N, C-alpha and C. Protein backbone atom coordinates (compact mmCIF):
# COMPACT_ATOMS: atom_id res chain seq x y z
N UNK A 1 0.92 -1.25 0.25
CA UNK A 1 0.00 -0.45 0.10
C UNK A 1 0.49 1.06 0.00
N UNK A 2 1.96 0.72 1.03
CA UNK A 2 3.33 2.07 0.94
C UNK A 2 3.65 2.92 -0.57
N UNK A 3 3.99 1.34 -1.28
CA UNK A 3 4.48 1.86 -2.59
C UNK A 3 3.19 2.53 -3.86
N UNK A 4 2.10 1.60 -3.71
CA UNK A 4 1.10 2.40 -3.91
C UNK A 4 1.02 4.50 -3.79
N UNK A 5 0.46 4.33 -3.14
CA UNK A 5 1.09 6.18 -2.57
C UNK A 5 1.40 6.66 -3.09
N UNK A 6 2.54 5.82 -2.48
CA UNK A 6 4.65 6.72 -2.95
C UNK A 6 3.58 6.81 -4.87
N UNK A 7 3.85 5.48 -5.61
CA UNK A 7 4.36 5.67 -6.46
C UNK A 7 2.58 6.61 -7.54
N UNK A 8 1.81 6.53 -6.92
CA UNK A 8 0.18 8.01 -7.07
C UNK A 8 0.76 9.05 -6.81
N UNK A 9 1.80 9.27 -4.93
CA UNK A 9 2.17 10.61 -5.69
C UNK A 9 2.96 11.48 -6.48
N UNK A 10 4.47 10.13 -6.47
CA UNK A 10 4.60 10.47 -7.14
C UNK A 10 5.21 10.57 -9.29
N UNK A 11 4.07 9.61 -9.34
CA UNK A 11 3.63 10.49 -11.02
C UNK A 11 3.29 10.70 -11.62
N UNK A 12 3.16 11.37 -13.18
CA UNK A 12 4.09 12.19 -13.96
C UNK A 12 1.76 12.06 -14.30
N UNK A 13 1.66 11.26 -15.06
CA UNK A 13 0.85 10.69 -15.57
C UNK A 13 -0.73 10.72 -15.14
N UNK A 14 -1.80 10.97 -15.78
CA UNK A 14 -2.78 10.97 -14.73
C UNK A 14 -3.24 9.44 -14.38
N UNK A 15 -3.22 8.90 -16.34
CA UNK A 15 -4.35 7.28 -16.52
C UNK A 15 -3.02 6.46 -15.31
N UNK A 16 -1.97 6.64 -15.18
CA UNK A 16 -1.44 5.55 -14.47
C UNK A 16 -2.11 5.89 -12.86
N UNK A 17 -1.91 6.95 -12.11
CA UNK A 17 -2.36 7.68 -11.19
C UNK A 17 -3.48 6.81 -10.34
N UNK A 18 -4.18 6.57 -11.55
CA UNK A 18 -5.72 6.52 -11.92
C UNK A 18 -5.66 4.44 -11.80
N UNK A 19 -4.31 4.05 -12.47
CA UNK A 19 -4.89 3.01 -11.93
C UNK A 19 -4.34 2.51 -10.70
N UNK A 20 -3.29 2.74 -10.68
CA UNK A 20 -2.74 2.98 -8.97
C UNK A 20 -3.51 2.29 -8.10
N UNK A 21 -4.46 4.27 -8.39
CA UNK A 21 -5.40 4.39 -6.95
C UNK A 21 -6.46 3.42 -7.08
N UNK A 22 -6.95 3.29 -8.43
CA UNK A 22 -7.66 2.40 -7.99
C UNK A 22 -7.70 0.31 -7.03
N UNK A 23 -6.42 0.23 -7.93
CA UNK A 23 -5.42 -1.08 -7.28
C UNK A 23 -5.74 -1.06 -5.82
N UNK A 24 -5.13 0.48 -5.36
CA UNK A 24 -5.30 0.60 -3.90
C UNK A 24 -6.76 0.35 -3.47
N UNK A 25 -7.48 0.97 -3.95
CA UNK A 25 -9.32 0.81 -2.68
C UNK A 25 -9.34 -0.36 -3.30
N UNK A 26 -9.61 -1.57 -4.11
CA UNK A 26 -9.17 -3.53 -4.71
C UNK A 26 -8.03 -3.67 -4.01
N UNK A 27 -7.19 -3.57 -3.27
CA UNK A 27 -6.65 -3.86 -2.04
C UNK A 27 -6.95 -3.87 -0.15
N UNK A 28 -7.37 -2.96 -0.55
CA UNK A 28 -7.51 -2.09 0.66
C UNK A 28 -9.12 -3.08 0.53
N UNK A 29 -10.28 -2.76 -0.54
CA UNK A 29 -11.03 -3.69 -0.19
C UNK A 29 -10.91 -5.11 1.07
N UNK A 30 -9.71 -5.91 -0.63
CA UNK A 30 -9.84 -7.65 -0.20
C UNK A 30 -9.17 -7.52 1.45
N UNK A 31 -8.81 -6.43 2.00
CA UNK A 31 -8.10 -6.64 2.25
C UNK A 31 -8.91 -6.70 4.19
N UNK A 32 -9.95 -5.48 3.78
CA UNK A 32 -11.20 -5.61 4.71
C UNK A 32 -12.28 -7.36 4.52
N UNK A 33 -12.22 -7.21 3.82
CA UNK A 33 -13.16 -8.69 3.70
C UNK A 33 -12.41 -9.88 4.14
N UNK A 34 -10.59 -10.04 3.91
CA UNK A 34 -9.52 -10.83 5.06
C UNK A 34 -9.75 -10.61 5.86
N UNK A 35 -10.00 -9.73 6.26
CA UNK A 35 -10.30 -9.35 7.85
C UNK A 35 -11.55 -9.57 9.15
N UNK A 36 -12.36 -10.01 7.83
CA UNK A 36 -14.06 -10.46 7.73
C UNK A 36 -14.38 -11.47 8.71
N UNK A 37 -13.11 -12.30 7.51
CA UNK A 37 -13.80 -13.94 7.79
C UNK A 37 -13.07 -14.05 8.88
N UNK A 38 -13.74 -15.22 10.00
CA UNK A 38 -13.99 -15.23 10.87
C UNK A 38 -14.09 -16.74 10.65
N UNK A 39 -14.88 -16.98 9.56
CA UNK A 39 -16.13 -18.94 10.36
C UNK A 39 -14.43 -19.71 9.86
N UNK A 40 -13.82 -20.83 9.90
CA UNK A 40 -13.27 -22.68 8.85
C UNK A 40 -13.33 -21.88 7.60
N UNK A 41 -12.70 -22.99 6.12
CA UNK A 41 -12.74 -23.88 5.38
C UNK A 41 -13.57 -23.75 5.16
N UNK A 42 -14.06 -23.52 3.82
CA UNK A 42 -15.46 -24.63 3.91
C UNK A 42 -13.98 -25.99 2.73
N UNK A 43 -14.22 -26.14 3.67
CA UNK A 43 -12.92 -27.80 2.28
C UNK A 43 -13.91 -29.00 2.17
N UNK A 44 -13.22 -29.13 2.23
CA UNK A 44 -13.10 -30.61 1.17
C UNK A 44 -12.11 -32.18 2.00
N UNK A 45 -12.48 -32.77 2.59
CA UNK A 45 -11.13 -34.01 2.76
C UNK A 45 -11.09 -35.17 2.73
N UNK A 46 -10.92 -35.52 1.86
CA UNK A 46 -10.58 -36.88 1.47
C UNK A 46 -9.60 -37.94 3.18
N UNK A 47 -10.21 -38.70 3.39
CA UNK A 47 -10.29 -39.52 4.28
C UNK A 47 -10.19 -40.95 4.41
N UNK A 48 -8.63 -41.08 3.54
CA UNK A 48 -8.83 -43.46 3.21
C UNK A 48 -9.86 -43.60 1.93
N UNK A 49 -9.86 -42.77 1.73
CA UNK A 49 -10.81 -42.59 0.18
C UNK A 49 -11.90 -42.32 0.30
N UNK A 50 -12.65 -41.98 1.68
CA UNK A 50 -13.85 -41.42 2.00
C UNK A 50 -13.62 -39.94 1.63
N UNK A 51 -14.88 -39.64 0.95
CA UNK A 51 -14.67 -37.57 0.72
C UNK A 51 -15.44 -36.68 1.85
N UNK A 52 -15.20 -36.29 3.09
CA UNK A 52 -16.79 -35.97 3.54
C UNK A 52 -15.81 -34.11 3.82
N UNK A 53 -17.32 -33.39 4.22
CA UNK A 53 -16.35 -31.92 4.05
C UNK A 53 -16.31 -31.47 5.73
N UNK A 54 -15.45 -30.71 5.67
CA UNK A 54 -14.17 -30.29 7.02
C UNK A 54 -15.10 -30.52 7.90
N UNK A 55 -16.66 -29.46 8.50
CA UNK A 55 -17.09 -29.31 8.85
C UNK A 55 -17.57 -30.41 9.94
N UNK A 56 -18.11 -31.57 9.09
CA UNK A 56 -17.48 -33.33 8.90
C UNK A 56 -16.52 -33.82 11.10
N UNK A 57 -15.95 -33.18 11.26
CA UNK A 57 -14.70 -33.88 12.00
C UNK A 57 -13.54 -33.59 12.07
N UNK A 58 -12.99 -33.20 11.14
CA UNK A 58 -12.54 -32.39 10.90
C UNK A 58 -12.03 -30.59 10.30
N UNK A 59 -11.49 -30.15 10.83
CA UNK A 59 -11.21 -28.63 11.42
C UNK A 59 -10.27 -28.09 10.86
N UNK A 60 -10.26 -27.55 9.36
CA UNK A 60 -8.36 -27.30 8.47
C UNK A 60 -7.71 -26.82 9.80
N UNK A 61 -6.94 -26.09 9.70
CA UNK A 61 -5.82 -25.98 10.96
C UNK A 61 -4.22 -25.40 9.31
N UNK A 62 -4.68 -23.86 10.01
CA UNK A 62 -3.88 -22.58 8.90
C UNK A 62 -2.67 -22.93 9.60
N UNK A 63 -1.57 -23.30 8.37
CA UNK A 63 -0.42 -22.51 9.02
C UNK A 63 0.71 -24.27 10.11
N UNK A 64 -0.25 -24.56 10.80
CA UNK A 64 0.73 -25.61 11.17
C UNK A 64 1.47 -26.82 10.81
N UNK A 65 0.74 -26.45 9.25
CA UNK A 65 2.67 -28.25 8.65
C UNK A 65 3.82 -27.31 8.83
N UNK A 66 3.34 -26.47 8.26
CA UNK A 66 4.51 -24.96 7.60
C UNK A 66 5.04 -24.87 8.72
N UNK A 67 4.51 -24.71 9.74
CA UNK A 67 5.23 -23.84 11.09
C UNK A 67 6.19 -25.21 11.38
N UNK A 68 5.90 -25.81 11.76
CA UNK A 68 6.34 -27.24 11.98
C UNK A 68 8.23 -27.31 10.37
N UNK A 69 7.23 -27.66 9.95
CA UNK A 69 8.02 -27.91 8.64
C UNK A 69 9.55 -26.75 8.23
N UNK A 70 9.27 -25.38 8.96
CA UNK A 70 10.36 -24.53 9.27
C UNK A 70 10.17 -24.09 10.11
N UNK A 71 10.22 -25.18 11.08
CA UNK A 71 10.51 -25.02 12.61
C UNK A 71 11.95 -26.20 12.42
N UNK A 72 11.97 -27.30 11.50
CA UNK A 72 12.73 -28.58 11.72
C UNK A 72 13.57 -27.59 9.92
N UNK A 73 13.47 -27.33 9.82
CA UNK A 73 14.42 -26.74 8.60
C UNK A 73 14.54 -28.73 7.85
N UNK A 74 14.83 -28.56 6.61
CA UNK A 74 16.21 -29.44 5.69
C UNK A 74 17.04 -30.12 6.20
N UNK A 75 18.20 -29.42 6.75
CA UNK A 75 19.20 -29.55 7.51
C UNK A 75 20.58 -30.07 6.50
N UNK A 76 20.15 -29.04 5.18
CA UNK A 76 21.22 -28.50 4.68
C UNK A 76 21.91 -27.02 5.14
N UNK A 77 23.10 -27.50 5.18
CA UNK A 77 23.17 -26.82 5.80
C UNK A 77 24.60 -25.31 4.24
N UNK A 78 25.02 -24.41 4.56
CA UNK A 78 25.98 -24.20 3.29
C UNK A 78 26.74 -23.94 2.43
N UNK A 79 27.32 -24.81 3.20
CA UNK A 79 28.52 -26.10 2.65
C UNK A 79 28.51 -26.55 2.11
N UNK A 80 27.29 -28.00 2.45
CA UNK A 80 26.75 -28.25 1.72
C UNK A 80 26.19 -28.54 0.25
N UNK A 81 26.31 -26.88 -0.19
CA UNK A 81 25.81 -26.51 -1.23
C UNK A 81 27.06 -26.34 -2.50
N UNK A 82 27.06 -27.01 -3.06
CA UNK A 82 29.02 -27.07 -4.39
C UNK A 82 28.52 -25.78 -5.15
N UNK A 83 30.17 -25.09 -5.12
CA UNK A 83 29.97 -24.05 -6.47
C UNK A 83 28.93 -22.68 -5.67
N UNK A 84 28.07 -22.20 -6.41
CA UNK A 84 26.87 -21.49 -7.31
C UNK A 84 27.10 -20.47 -5.53
N UNK A 85 28.60 -19.95 -5.89
CA UNK A 85 28.64 -19.41 -4.33
C UNK A 85 27.32 -17.44 -5.29
N UNK A 86 27.88 -17.12 -6.83
CA UNK A 86 27.24 -15.64 -7.16
C UNK A 86 25.65 -16.10 -6.51
N UNK A 87 25.03 -17.89 -6.50
CA UNK A 87 23.85 -17.76 -5.97
C UNK A 87 23.63 -17.18 -4.66
N UNK A 88 25.01 -17.99 -3.95
CA UNK A 88 23.93 -17.70 -2.15
C UNK A 88 23.82 -16.58 -1.49
N UNK A 89 25.16 -16.31 -2.48
CA UNK A 89 25.74 -14.14 -2.62
C UNK A 89 24.51 -13.80 -2.30
N UNK A 90 23.84 -13.50 -3.38
CA UNK A 90 21.95 -12.87 -3.81
C UNK A 90 20.58 -13.59 -2.87
N UNK A 91 21.00 -14.82 -2.69
CA UNK A 91 20.25 -15.41 -1.84
C UNK A 91 20.58 -14.18 -0.31
N UNK A 92 21.85 -14.79 0.52
CA UNK A 92 22.27 -13.81 2.01
C UNK A 92 21.57 -12.75 1.90
N UNK A 93 22.05 -12.06 0.54
CA UNK A 93 21.77 -10.92 1.18
C UNK A 93 19.92 -10.32 0.94
N UNK A 94 19.23 -10.93 0.25
CA UNK A 94 18.45 -10.69 -0.92
C UNK A 94 17.08 -11.34 0.45
N UNK A 95 17.99 -12.43 1.53
CA UNK A 95 16.71 -13.04 2.95
C UNK A 95 17.57 -13.25 3.56
N UNK A 96 18.43 -13.42 4.19
CA UNK A 96 19.17 -13.40 5.04
C UNK A 96 19.15 -12.74 6.25
N UNK A 97 19.72 -11.77 5.53
CA UNK A 97 20.21 -10.14 5.68
C UNK A 97 19.03 -9.50 6.02
N UNK A 98 17.92 -9.21 5.17
CA UNK A 98 17.08 -8.48 6.26
C UNK A 98 15.87 -9.38 7.32
N UNK A 99 16.32 -10.33 7.41
CA UNK A 99 15.58 -11.31 8.62
C UNK A 99 16.41 -11.12 9.36
N UNK A 100 17.97 -11.56 9.49
CA UNK A 100 18.44 -10.71 10.90
C UNK A 100 18.52 -9.77 11.00
N UNK A 101 18.93 -9.40 10.32
CA UNK A 101 19.42 -7.05 10.81
C UNK A 101 17.95 -6.53 10.35
N UNK A 102 17.11 -6.28 10.33
CA UNK A 102 15.46 -4.99 9.66
C UNK A 102 15.64 -3.54 10.00
N UNK A 103 16.61 -3.30 10.73
CA UNK A 103 17.09 -2.60 11.15
C UNK A 103 17.77 -1.44 9.80
N UNK A 104 18.98 -2.32 9.33
CA UNK A 104 19.13 -2.34 8.12
C UNK A 104 19.49 -1.67 7.58
N UNK A 105 17.67 -2.12 6.87
CA UNK A 105 16.13 -2.10 5.36
C UNK A 105 15.52 -1.59 5.81
N UNK A 106 15.27 0.02 6.19
CA UNK A 106 14.38 0.84 6.80
C UNK A 106 12.66 0.77 6.15
N UNK A 107 13.62 0.72 4.10
CA UNK A 107 12.90 0.88 2.96
C UNK A 107 12.76 -0.60 2.13
N UNK A 108 12.03 -1.53 3.30
CA UNK A 108 11.74 -2.51 2.57
C UNK A 108 12.75 -4.13 2.97
N UNK A 109 12.46 -5.15 2.16
CA UNK A 109 13.28 -5.83 1.76
C UNK A 109 13.94 -5.76 0.21
N UNK A 110 14.38 -6.05 -0.57
CA UNK A 110 14.65 -5.96 -1.37
C UNK A 110 14.12 -7.60 -1.98
N UNK A 111 13.54 -6.58 -4.10
CA UNK A 111 12.83 -8.23 -3.81
C UNK A 111 12.76 -8.40 -5.19
N UNK A 112 14.47 -8.66 -5.19
CA UNK A 112 15.23 -8.56 -7.47
C UNK A 112 15.53 -9.36 -6.80
N UNK A 113 15.41 -11.03 -6.98
CA UNK A 113 15.54 -12.40 -6.24
C UNK A 113 14.51 -13.65 -7.65
N UNK A 114 14.60 -13.71 -8.14
CA UNK A 114 14.31 -15.64 -9.05
C UNK A 114 14.63 -16.31 -7.85
N UNK A 115 13.76 -17.33 -7.65
CA UNK A 115 14.20 -18.17 -6.97
C UNK A 115 14.22 -18.88 -8.28
């Protein structure tokens, strides 16, 4: 949102400014919509070949498996990755340094890396 506001205020083109303003409004509406959702997801879960809605006994949990996997980690160190020094340096600069020292990145993290 901050970036879009900056683009609207600094862009000389009225057409692009209107596009950015429309995007900001869409994002604000979507944020409010997501904040208002408090009910469980209506998903279907397949259990041993049976199809049944999530409300029948199983409730979806968001992120628990992901959190577990992230905490556990893959068990690979930088030394296990042979060569690719430039790629490792780019990953460290774009991901590791901002996570470890966010105070050094007041304008946000670099977003110019494609993994």
